[in-house]
Amino acid sequence: MRIWIYGRDRNTVQTLISGNDPTNTVVGTSALPAQGTEFPLSGLTQAMCAAIQGELDLLLVSDCQLLGNDPQQIREMEAAFAYYGVSVKSASSCGSRSS
């Protein structure tokens, strides 16, 4: 499975990489941008581009709250990835249930 790992910071991303199933191929990683950036979800831009190009099967996020500020935004982001055939999974207890 081709996965993208998105985390709160580079250390979190590295932890998720280390715990990744070795049969998966990590095609990219990104981290939450610094607070106060004009586009707070810019860390997902490259992952969405990979999804649009059909290069991604799973987006693994360290925390589902990285996808939005409220449950509706999180669902919308999951739906956007699902539109391109990408499942979203959260490594945190909040658990994402996307396709």
PDB file of N, CA and C in Angstrom:
ATOM      1  N   MET A   1       0.833  -1.166   0.000  1.00  0.00           N
ATOM      2  CA  MET A   1       0.000   0.000   0.000  1.00  0.00           C
ATOM      3  C   MET A   1       0.889   1.245   0.000  1.00  0.00           C
ATOM      4  N   ARG A   2       0.524   2.229  -0.779  1.00  0.00           N
ATOM      5  CA  ARG A   2       1.268   3.488  -0.861  1.00  0.00           C
ATOM      6  C   ARG A   2       0.665   4.478   0.142  1.00  0.00           C
ATOM      7  N   ILE A   3       1.479   4.926   1.074  1.00  0.00           N
ATOM      8  CA  ILE A   3       0.941   5.795   2.121  1.00  0.00           C
ATOM      9  C   ILE A   3       1.697   7.123   2.194  1.00  0.00           C
ATOM     10  N   TRP A   4       0.970   8.116   2.663  1.00  0.00           N
ATOM     11  CA  TRP A   4       1.531   9.426   2.982  1.00  0.00           C
ATOM     12  C   TRP A   4       1.367   9.604   4.476  1.00  0.00           C
ATOM     13  N   ILE A   5       2.386  10.081   5.149  1.00  0.00           N
ATOM     14  CA  ILE A   5       2.327  10.287   6.593  1.00  0.00           C
ATOM     15  C   ILE A   5       2.345  11.784   6.880  1.00  0.00           C
ATOM     16  N   TYR A   6       1.334  12.234   7.633  1.00  0.00           N
ATOM     17  CA  TYR A   6       1.180  13.643   7.990  1.00  0.00           C
ATOM     18  C   TYR A   6       1.106  13.752   9.496  1.00  0.00           C
ATOM     19  N   GLY A   7       2.014  14.516  10.082  1.00  0.00           N
ATOM     20  CA  GLY A   7       2.054  14.601  11.533  1.00  0.00           C
ATOM     21  C   GLY A   7       2.144  16.020  12.058  1.00  0.00           C
ATOM     22  N   ARG A   8       2.009  16.130  13.355  1.00  0.00           N
ATOM     23  CA  ARG A   8       2.045  17.430  14.023  1.00  0.00           C
ATOM     24  C   ARG A   8       3.420  18.090  13.881  1.00  0.00           C
ATOM     25  N   ASP A   9       4.477  17.272  13.844  1.00  0.00           N
ATOM     26  CA  ASP A   9       5.843  17.781  13.684  1.00  0.00           C
ATOM     27  C   ASP A   9       6.702  16.659  13.107  1.00  0.00           C
ATOM     28  N   ARG A  10       7.940  16.965  12.779  1.00  0.00           N
ATOM     29  CA  ARG A  10       8.834  15.976  12.155  1.00  0.00           C
ATOM     30  C   ARG A  10       9.114  14.782  13.073  1.00  0.00           C
ATOM     31  N   ASN A  11       9.192  14.993  14.367  1.00  0.00           N
ATOM     32  CA  ASN A  11       9.414  13.872  15.293  1.00  0.00           C
ATOM     33  C   ASN A  11       8.243  12.900  15.262  1.00  0.00           C
ATOM     34  N   THR A  12       7.039  13.437  15.227  1.00  0.00           N
ATOM     35  CA  THR A  12       5.840  12.591  15.156  1.00  0.00           C
ATOM     36  C   THR A  12       5.822  11.813  13.842  1.00  0.00           C
ATOM     37  N   VAL A  13       6.163  12.479  12.763  1.00  0.00           N
ATOM     38  CA  VAL A  13       6.226  11.808  11.455  1.00  0.00           C
ATOM     39  C   VAL A  13       7.232  10.667  11.507  1.00  0.00           C
ATOM     40  N   GLN A  14       8.403  10.917  12.086  1.00  0.00           N
ATOM     41  CA  GLN A  14       9.437   9.884  12.173  1.00  0.00           C
ATOM     42  C   GLN A  14       8.963   8.693  13.002  1.00  0.00           C
ATOM     43  N   THR A  15       8.237   8.960  14.084  1.00  0.00           N
ATOM     44  CA  THR A  15       7.693   7.874  14.910  1.00  0.00           C
ATOM     45  C   THR A  15       6.722   7.028  14.105  1.00  0.00           C
ATOM     46  N   LEU A  16       5.864   7.677  13.312  1.00  0.00           N
ATOM     47  CA  LEU A  16       4.902   6.933  12.495  1.00  0.00           C
ATOM     48  C   LEU A  16       5.611   6.122  11.409  1.00  0.00           C
ATOM     49  N   ILE A  17       6.666   6.672  10.847  1.00  0.00           N
ATOM     50  CA  ILE A  17       7.448   5.929   9.848  1.00  0.00           C
ATOM     51  C   ILE A  17       8.039   4.677  10.486  1.00  0.00           C
ATOM     52  N   SER A  18       8.600   4.835  11.678  1.00  0.00           N
ATOM     53  CA  SER A  18       9.230   3.705  12.378  1.00  0.00           C
ATOM     54  C   SER A  18       8.227   2.605  12.695  1.00  0.00           C
ATOM     55  N   GLY A  19       6.994   3.001  12.985  1.00  0.00           N
ATOM     56  CA  GLY A  19       5.965   2.021  13.328  1.00  0.00           C
ATOM     57  C   GLY A  19       5.177   1.517  12.137  1.00  0.00           C
ATOM     58  N   ASN A  20       5.549   1.941  10.956  1.00  0.00           N
ATOM     59  CA  ASN A  20       4.835   1.579   9.734  1.00  0.00           C
ATOM     60  C   ASN A  20       5.036   0.106   9.376  1.00  0.00           C
ATOM     61  N   ASP A  21       3.990  -0.509   8.871  1.00  0.00           N
ATOM     62  CA  ASP A  21       4.064  -1.876   8.359  1.00  0.00           C
ATOM     63  C   ASP A  21       5.084  -1.896   7.216  1.00  0.00           C
ATOM     64  N   PRO A  22       6.081  -2.765   7.285  1.00  0.00           N
ATOM     65  CA  PRO A  22       7.129  -2.769   6.252  1.00  0.00           C
ATOM     66  C   PRO A  22       6.622  -3.141   4.854  1.00  0.00           C
ATOM     67  N   THR A  23       5.436  -3.679   4.746  1.00  0.00           N
ATOM     68  CA  THR A  23       4.903  -3.979   3.417  1.00  0.00           C
ATOM     69  C   THR A  23       4.344  -2.726   2.743  1.00  0.00           C
ATOM     70  N   ASN A  24       4.154  -1.653   3.511  1.00  0.00           N
ATOM     71  CA  ASN A  24       3.693  -0.394   2.945  1.00  0.00           C
ATOM     72  C   ASN A  24       4.873   0.381   2.374  1.00  0.00           C
ATOM     73  N   THR A  25       4.594   1.202   1.381  1.00  0.00           N
ATOM     74  CA  THR A  25       5.595   2.086   0.809  1.00  0.00           C
ATOM     75  C   THR A  25       5.225   3.514   1.176  1.00  0.00           C
ATOM     76  N   VAL A  26       6.101   4.178   1.902  1.00  0.00           N
ATOM     77  CA  VAL A  26       5.867   5.577   2.252  1.00  0.00           C
ATOM     78  C   VAL A  26       6.269   6.416   1.038  1.00  0.00           C
ATOM     79  N   VAL A  27       5.277   7.046   0.414  1.00  0.00           N
ATOM     80  CA  VAL A  27       5.540   7.841  -0.786  1.00  0.00           C
ATOM     81  C   VAL A  27       5.799   9.308  -0.460  1.00  0.00           C
ATOM     82  N   GLY A  28       5.503   9.708   0.773  1.00  0.00           N
ATOM     83  CA  GLY A  28       5.764  11.086   1.159  1.00  0.00           C
ATOM     84  C   GLY A  28       5.411  11.340   2.609  1.00  0.00           C
ATOM     85  N   THR A  29       5.933  12.428   3.115  1.00  0.00           N
ATOM     86  CA  THR A  29       5.644  12.847   4.479  1.00  0.00           C
ATOM     87  C   THR A  29       5.507  14.363   4.504  1.00  0.00           C
ATOM     88  N   SER A  30       4.772  14.844   5.475  1.00  0.00           N
ATOM     89  CA  SER A  30       4.686  16.283   5.707  1.00  0.00           C
ATOM     90  C   SER A  30       4.251  16.510   7.137  1.00  0.00           C
ATOM     91  N   ALA A  31       4.456  17.743   7.587  1.00  0.00           N
ATOM     92  CA  ALA A  31       4.113  18.096   8.957  1.00  0.00           C
ATOM     93  C   ALA A  31       3.270  19.364   8.962  1.00  0.00           C
ATOM     94  N   LEU A  32       2.549  19.534  10.036  1.00  0.00           N
ATOM     95  CA  LEU A  32       1.727  20.716  10.244  1.00  0.00           C
ATOM     96  C   LEU A  32       2.614  21.955  10.143  1.00  0.00           C
ATOM     97  N   PRO A  33       2.210  22.952   9.353  1.00  0.00           N
ATOM     98  CA  PRO A  33       3.034  24.152   9.246  1.00  0.00           C
ATOM     99  C   PRO A  33       3.016  24.958  10.548  1.00  0.00           C
ATOM    100  N   ALA A  34       3.932  25.880  10.654  1.00  0.00           N
ATOM    101  CA  ALA A  34       4.027  26.732  11.848  1.00  0.00           C
ATOM    102  C   ALA A  34       2.723  27.494  12.068  1.00  0.00           C
ATOM    103  N   GLN A  35       2.419  27.749  13.323  1.00  0.00           N
ATOM    104  CA  GLN A  35       1.213  28.505  13.653  1.00  0.00           C
ATOM    105  C   GLN A  35       1.268  29.882  13.016  1.00  0.00           C
ATOM    106  N   GLY A  36       0.106  30.342  12.590  1.00  0.00           N
ATOM    107  CA  GLY A  36       0.019  31.669  12.009  1.00  0.00           C
ATOM    108  C   GLY A  36       0.245  31.725  10.513  1.00  0.00           C
ATOM    109  N   THR A  37       0.445  30.577   9.865  1.00  0.00           N
ATOM    110  CA  THR A  37       0.616  30.586   8.413  1.00  0.00           C
ATOM    111  C   THR A  37      -0.717  30.933   7.758  1.00  0.00           C
ATOM    112  N   GLU A  38      -0.647  31.493   6.567  1.00  0.00           N
ATOM    113  CA  GLU A  38      -1.867  31.912   5.881  1.00  0.00           C
ATOM    114  C   GLU A  38      -2.754  30.737   5.508  1.00  0.00           C
ATOM    115  N   PHE A  39      -2.159  29.611   5.199  1.00  0.00           N
ATOM    116  CA  PHE A  39      -2.930  28.420   4.826  1.00  0.00           C
ATOM    117  C   PHE A  39      -2.594  27.316   5.814  1.00  0.00           C
ATOM    118  N   PRO A  40      -3.379  27.178   6.889  1.00  0.00           N
ATOM    119  CA  PRO A  40      -3.023  26.243   7.961  1.00  0.00           C
ATOM    120  C   PRO A  40      -2.991  24.767   7.560  1.00  0.00           C
ATOM    121  N   LEU A  41      -3.633  24.397   6.455  1.00  0.00           N
ATOM    122  CA  LEU A  41      -3.617  23.000   6.018  1.00  0.00           C
ATOM    123  C   LEU A  41      -2.606  22.777   4.893  1.00  0.00           C
ATOM    124  N   SER A  42      -1.651  23.699   4.741  1.00  0.00           N
ATOM    125  CA  SER A  42      -0.693  23.582   3.639  1.00  0.00           C
ATOM    126  C   SER A  42       0.157  22.324   3.728  1.00  0.00           C
ATOM    127  N   GLY A  43       0.254  21.721   4.894  1.00  0.00           N
ATOM    128  CA  GLY A  43       0.986  20.466   5.024  1.00  0.00           C
ATOM    129  C   GLY A  43       0.317  19.318   4.293  1.00  0.00           C
ATOM    130  N   LEU A  44      -0.932  19.508   3.910  1.00  0.00           N
ATOM    131  CA  LEU A  44      -1.664  18.469   3.176  1.00  0.00           C
ATOM    132  C   LEU A  44      -1.636  18.674   1.661  1.00  0.00           C
ATOM    133  N   THR A  45      -1.085  19.780   1.205  1.00  0.00           N
ATOM    134  CA  THR A  45      -1.108  20.092  -0.227  1.00  0.00           C
ATOM    135  C   THR A  45      -0.430  19.017  -1.067  1.00  0.00           C
ATOM    136  N   GLN A  46       0.775  18.620  -0.684  1.00  0.00           N
ATOM    137  CA  GLN A  46       1.490  17.602  -1.461  1.00  0.00           C
ATOM    138  C   GLN A  46       0.776  16.256  -1.405  1.00  0.00           C
ATOM    139  N   ALA A  47       0.200  15.923  -0.259  1.00  0.00           N
ATOM    140  CA  ALA A  47      -0.534  14.661  -0.150  1.00  0.00           C
ATOM    141  C   ALA A  47      -1.753  14.675  -1.068  1.00  0.00           C
ATOM    142  N   MET A  48      -2.456  15.799  -1.124  1.00  0.00           N
ATOM    143  CA  MET A  48      -3.619  15.894  -2.013  1.00  0.00           C
ATOM    144  C   MET A  48      -3.188  15.803  -3.474  1.00  0.00           C
ATOM    145  N   CYS A  49      -2.075  16.423  -3.822  1.00  0.00           N
ATOM    146  CA  CYS A  49      -1.569  16.312  -5.200  1.00  0.00           C
ATOM    147  C   CYS A  49      -1.267  14.860  -5.550  1.00  0.00           C
ATOM    148  N   ALA A  50      -0.649  14.133  -4.625  1.00  0.00           N
ATOM    149  CA  ALA A  50      -0.365  12.710  -4.856  1.00  0.00           C
ATOM    150  C   ALA A  50      -1.665  11.926  -5.013  1.00  0.00           C
ATOM    151  N   ALA A  51      -2.669  12.271  -4.213  1.00  0.00           N
ATOM    152  CA  ALA A  51      -3.977  11.597  -4.316  1.00  0.00           C
ATOM    153  C   ALA A  51      -4.601  11.857  -5.684  1.00  0.00           C
ATOM    154  N   ILE A  52      -4.593  13.093  -6.115  1.00  0.00           N
ATOM    155  CA  ILE A  52      -5.179  13.460  -7.414  1.00  0.00           C
ATOM    156  C   ILE A  52      -4.477  12.718  -8.551  1.00  0.00           C
ATOM    157  N   GLN A  53      -3.176  12.524  -8.423  1.00  0.00           N
ATOM    158  CA  GLN A  53      -2.402  11.845  -9.466  1.00  0.00           C
ATOM    159  C   GLN A  53      -2.465  10.323  -9.362  1.00  0.00           C
ATOM    160  N   GLY A  54      -3.234   9.814  -8.384  1.00  0.00           N
ATOM    161  CA  GLY A  54      -3.388   8.370  -8.234  1.00  0.00           C
ATOM    162  C   GLY A  54      -2.166   7.680  -7.660  1.00  0.00           C
ATOM    163  N   GLU A  55      -1.341   8.405  -6.921  1.00  0.00           N
ATOM    164  CA  GLU A  55      -0.093   7.861  -6.392  1.00  0.00           C
ATOM    165  C   GLU A  55      -0.175   7.487  -4.921  1.00  0.00           C
ATOM    166  N   LEU A  56      -1.384   7.448  -4.368  1.00  0.00           N
ATOM    167  CA  LEU A  56      -1.553   7.312  -2.937  1.00  0.00           C
ATOM    168  C   LEU A  56      -2.775   6.453  -2.629  1.00  0.00           C
ATOM    169  N   ASP A  57      -2.634   5.556  -1.643  1.00  0.00           N
ATOM    170  CA  ASP A  57      -3.750   4.717  -1.217  1.00  0.00           C
ATOM    171  C   ASP A  57      -4.258   5.089   0.178  1.00  0.00           C
ATOM    172  N   LEU A  58      -3.354   5.574   1.031  1.00  0.00           N
ATOM    173  CA  LEU A  58      -3.707   5.841   2.422  1.00  0.00           C
ATOM    174  C   LEU A  58      -2.996   7.085   2.921  1.00  0.00           C
ATOM    175  N   LEU A  59      -3.749   7.954   3.585  1.00  0.00           N
ATOM    176  CA  LEU A  59      -3.176   9.089   4.303  1.00  0.00           C
ATOM    177  C   LEU A  59      -3.211   8.727   5.775  1.00  0.00           C
ATOM    178  N   LEU A  60      -2.053   8.586   6.378  1.00  0.00           N
ATOM    179  CA  LEU A  60      -1.948   8.278   7.802  1.00  0.00           C
ATOM    180  C   LEU A  60      -1.617   9.570   8.537  1.00  0.00           C
ATOM    181  N   VAL A  61      -2.528  10.002   9.414  1.00  0.00           N
ATOM    182  CA  VAL A  61      -2.324  11.238  10.175  1.00  0.00           C
ATOM    183  C   VAL A  61      -2.073  10.892  11.633  1.00  0.00           C
ATOM    184  N   SER A  62      -1.217  11.676  12.270  1.00  0.00           N
ATOM    185  CA  SER A  62      -0.917  11.403  13.676  1.00  0.00           C
ATOM    186  C   SER A  62      -2.118  11.694  14.560  1.00  0.00           C
ATOM    187  N   ASP A  63      -2.976  12.602  14.127  1.00  0.00           N
ATOM    188  CA  ASP A  63      -4.135  13.019  14.911  1.00  0.00           C
ATOM    189  C   ASP A  63      -5.178  13.544  13.930  1.00  0.00           C
ATOM    190  N   CYS A  64      -6.387  13.037  13.993  1.00  0.00           N
ATOM    191  CA  CYS A  64      -7.411  13.450  13.033  1.00  0.00           C
ATOM    192  C   CYS A  64      -7.705  14.943  13.104  1.00  0.00           C
ATOM    193  N   GLN A  65      -7.404  15.589  14.212  1.00  0.00           N
ATOM    194  CA  GLN A  65      -7.649  17.024  14.341  1.00  0.00           C
ATOM    195  C   GLN A  65      -6.724  17.849  13.450  1.00  0.00           C
ATOM    196  N   LEU A  66      -5.727  17.214  12.869  1.00  0.00           N
ATOM    197  CA  LEU A  66      -4.873  17.919  11.916  1.00  0.00           C
ATOM    198  C   LEU A  66      -5.603  18.169  10.594  1.00  0.00           C
ATOM    199  N   LEU A  67      -6.730  17.502  10.398  1.00  0.00           N
ATOM    200  CA  LEU A  67      -7.490  17.638   9.155  1.00  0.00           C
ATOM    201  C   LEU A  67      -8.460  18.812   9.173  1.00  0.00           C
ATOM    202  N   GLY A  68      -8.700  19.397  10.339  1.00  0.00           N
ATOM    203  CA  GLY A  68      -9.628  20.519  10.418  1.00  0.00           C
ATOM    204  C   GLY A  68      -9.866  20.955  11.843  1.00  0.00           C
ATOM    205  N   ASN A  69     -10.553  22.080  11.976  1.00  0.00           N
ATOM    206  CA  ASN A  69     -10.804  22.661  13.290  1.00  0.00           C
ATOM    207  C   ASN A  69     -12.046  22.122  13.977  1.00  0.00           C
ATOM    208  N   ASP A  70     -12.896  21.451  13.232  1.00  0.00           N
ATOM    209  CA  ASP A  70     -14.120  20.908  13.825  1.00  0.00           C
ATOM    210  C   ASP A  70     -14.508  19.632  13.072  1.00  0.00           C
ATOM    211  N   PRO A  71     -15.439  18.862  13.633  1.00  0.00           N
ATOM    212  CA  PRO A  71     -15.804  17.582  12.997  1.00  0.00           C
ATOM    213  C   PRO A  71     -16.260  17.719  11.545  1.00  0.00           C
ATOM    214  N   GLN A  72     -16.949  18.789  11.211  1.00  0.00           N
ATOM    215  CA  GLN A  72     -17.416  18.988   9.834  1.00  0.00           C
ATOM    216  C   GLN A  72     -16.228  19.172   8.885  1.00  0.00           C
ATOM    217  N   GLN A  73     -15.262  19.975   9.273  1.00  0.00           N
ATOM    218  CA  GLN A  73     -14.076  20.176   8.433  1.00  0.00           C
ATOM    219  C   GLN A  73     -13.295  18.875   8.269  1.00  0.00           C
ATOM    220  N   ILE A  74     -13.209  18.102   9.332  1.00  0.00           N
ATOM    221  CA  ILE A  74     -12.506  16.816   9.265  1.00  0.00           C
ATOM    222  C   ILE A  74     -13.205  15.894   8.275  1.00  0.00           C
ATOM    223  N   ARG A  75     -14.532  15.812   8.361  1.00  0.00           N
ATOM    224  CA  ARG A  75     -15.302  14.978   7.418  1.00  0.00           C
ATOM    225  C   ARG A  75     -15.118  15.453   5.978  1.00  0.00           C
ATOM    226  N   GLU A  76     -15.100  16.763   5.782  1.00  0.00           N
ATOM    227  CA  GLU A  76     -14.919  17.298   4.430  1.00  0.00           C
ATOM    228  C   GLU A  76     -13.546  16.942   3.868  1.00  0.00           C
ATOM    229  N   MET A  77     -12.520  17.014   4.699  1.00  0.00           N
ATOM    230  CA  MET A  77     -11.176  16.671   4.237  1.00  0.00           C
ATOM    231  C   MET A  77     -11.088  15.170   3.932  1.00  0.00           C
ATOM    232  N   GLU A  78     -11.688  14.349   4.784  1.00  0.00           N
ATOM    233  CA  GLU A  78     -11.715  12.907   4.522  1.00  0.00           C
ATOM    234  C   GLU A  78     -12.444  12.617   3.215  1.00  0.00           C
ATOM    235  N   ALA A  79     -13.557  13.320   2.984  1.00  0.00           N
ATOM    236  CA  ALA A  79     -14.329  13.121   1.755  1.00  0.00           C
ATOM    237  C   ALA A  79     -13.524  13.546   0.529  1.00  0.00           C
ATOM    238  N   ALA A  80     -12.751  14.611   0.655  1.00  0.00           N
ATOM    239  CA  ALA A  80     -11.929  15.064  -0.466  1.00  0.00           C
ATOM    240  C   ALA A  80     -10.902  13.998  -0.856  1.00  0.00           C
ATOM    241  N   PHE A  81     -10.255  13.402   0.135  1.00  0.00           N
ATOM    242  CA  PHE A  81      -9.299  12.334  -0.168  1.00  0.00           C
ATOM    243  C   PHE A  81     -10.022  11.094  -0.691  1.00  0.00           C
ATOM    244  N   ALA A  82     -11.152  10.768  -0.097  1.00  0.00           N
ATOM    245  CA  ALA A  82     -11.915   9.588  -0.531  1.00  0.00           C
ATOM    246  C   ALA A  82     -12.353   9.724  -1.990  1.00  0.00           C
ATOM    247  N   TYR A  83     -12.650  10.923  -2.428  1.00  0.00           N
ATOM    248  CA  TYR A  83     -13.042  11.173  -3.814  1.00  0.00           C
ATOM    249  C   TYR A  83     -11.976  10.643  -4.781  1.00  0.00           C
ATOM    250  N   TYR A  84     -10.726  10.694  -4.361  1.00  0.00           N
ATOM    251  CA  TYR A  84      -9.616  10.211  -5.189  1.00  0.00           C
ATOM    252  C   TYR A  84      -9.170   8.797  -4.817  1.00  0.00           C
ATOM    253  N   GLY A  85     -10.009   8.109  -4.042  1.00  0.00           N
ATOM    254  CA  GLY A  85      -9.731   6.716  -3.703  1.00  0.00           C
ATOM    255  C   GLY A  85      -8.738   6.527  -2.577  1.00  0.00           C
ATOM    256  N   VAL A  86      -8.525   7.551  -1.778  1.00  0.00           N
ATOM    257  CA  VAL A  86      -7.556   7.488  -0.696  1.00  0.00           C
ATOM    258  C   VAL A  86      -8.278   7.367   0.643  1.00  0.00           C
ATOM    259  N   SER A  87      -7.902   6.377   1.418  1.00  0.00           N
ATOM    260  CA  SER A  87      -8.428   6.222   2.769  1.00  0.00           C
ATOM    261  C   SER A  87      -7.641   7.112   3.712  1.00  0.00           C
ATOM    262  N   VAL A  88      -8.286   7.530   4.781  1.00  0.00           N
ATOM    263  CA  VAL A  88      -7.624   8.337   5.805  1.00  0.00           C
ATOM    264  C   VAL A  88      -7.690   7.563   7.108  1.00  0.00           C
ATOM    265  N   LYS A  89      -6.539   7.430   7.753  1.00  0.00           N
ATOM    266  CA  LYS A  89      -6.476   6.712   9.031  1.00  0.00           C
ATOM    267  C   LYS A  89      -5.731   7.577  10.026  1.00  0.00           C
ATOM    268  N   SER A  90      -6.267   7.626  11.236  1.00  0.00           N
ATOM    269  CA  SER A  90      -5.618   8.367  12.306  1.00  0.00           C
ATOM    270  C   SER A  90      -4.896   7.419  13.245  1.00  0.00           C
ATOM    271  N   ALA A  91      -3.693   7.804  13.645  1.00  0.00           N
ATOM    272  CA  ALA A  91      -2.942   7.000  14.596  1.00  0.00           C
ATOM    273  C   ALA A  91      -3.355   7.300  16.024  1.00  0.00           C
ATOM    274  N   SER A  92      -4.160   8.337  16.218  1.00  0.00           N
ATOM    275  CA  SER A  92      -4.599   8.718  17.567  1.00  0.00           C
ATOM    276  C   SER A  92      -5.906   8.029  17.924  1.00  0.00           C
ATOM    277  N   SER A  93      -6.286   8.174  19.152  1.00  0.00           N
ATOM    278  CA  SER A  93      -7.502   7.524  19.637  1.00  0.00           C
ATOM    279  C   SER A  93      -8.768   8.120  19.058  1.00  0.00           C
ATOM    280  N   CYS A  94      -8.676   9.314  18.441  1.00  0.00           N
ATOM    281  CA  CYS A  94      -9.905   9.905  17.883  1.00  0.00           C
ATOM    282  C   CYS A  94     -10.354   9.129  16.656  1.00  0.00           C
ATOM    283  N   GLY A  95      -9.429   8.395  16.048  1.00  0.00           N
ATOM    284  CA  GLY A  95      -9.747   7.466  14.971  1.00  0.00           C
ATOM    285  C   GLY A  95     -10.581   8.000  13.836  1.00  0.00           C
ATOM    286  N   SER A  96     -10.039   7.992  12.678  1.00  0.00           N
ATOM    287  CA  SER A  96     -10.765   8.396  11.487  1.00  0.00           C
ATOM    288  C   SER A  96     -11.396   7.166  10.872  1.00  0.00           C
ATOM    289  N   ARG A  97     -12.559   7.347  10.290  1.00  0.00           N
ATOM    290  CA  ARG A  97     -13.279   6.212   9.758  1.00  0.00           C
ATOM    291  C   ARG A  97     -13.517   6.330   8.265  1.00  0.00           C
ATOM    292  N   SER A  98     -12.658   7.058   7.587  1.00  0.00           N
ATOM    293  CA  SER A  98     -12.825   7.258   6.159  1.00  0.00           C
ATOM    294  C   SER A  98     -12.667   5.945   5.397  1.00  0.00           C
ATOM    295  N   SER A  99     -13.257   5.948   4.190  1.00  0.00           N
ATOM    296  CA  SER A  99     -13.222   4.759   3.335  1.00  0.00           C
ATOM    297  C   SER A  99     -11.854   4.221   3.328  1.00  0.00           C
TER     298      SER A  99
END
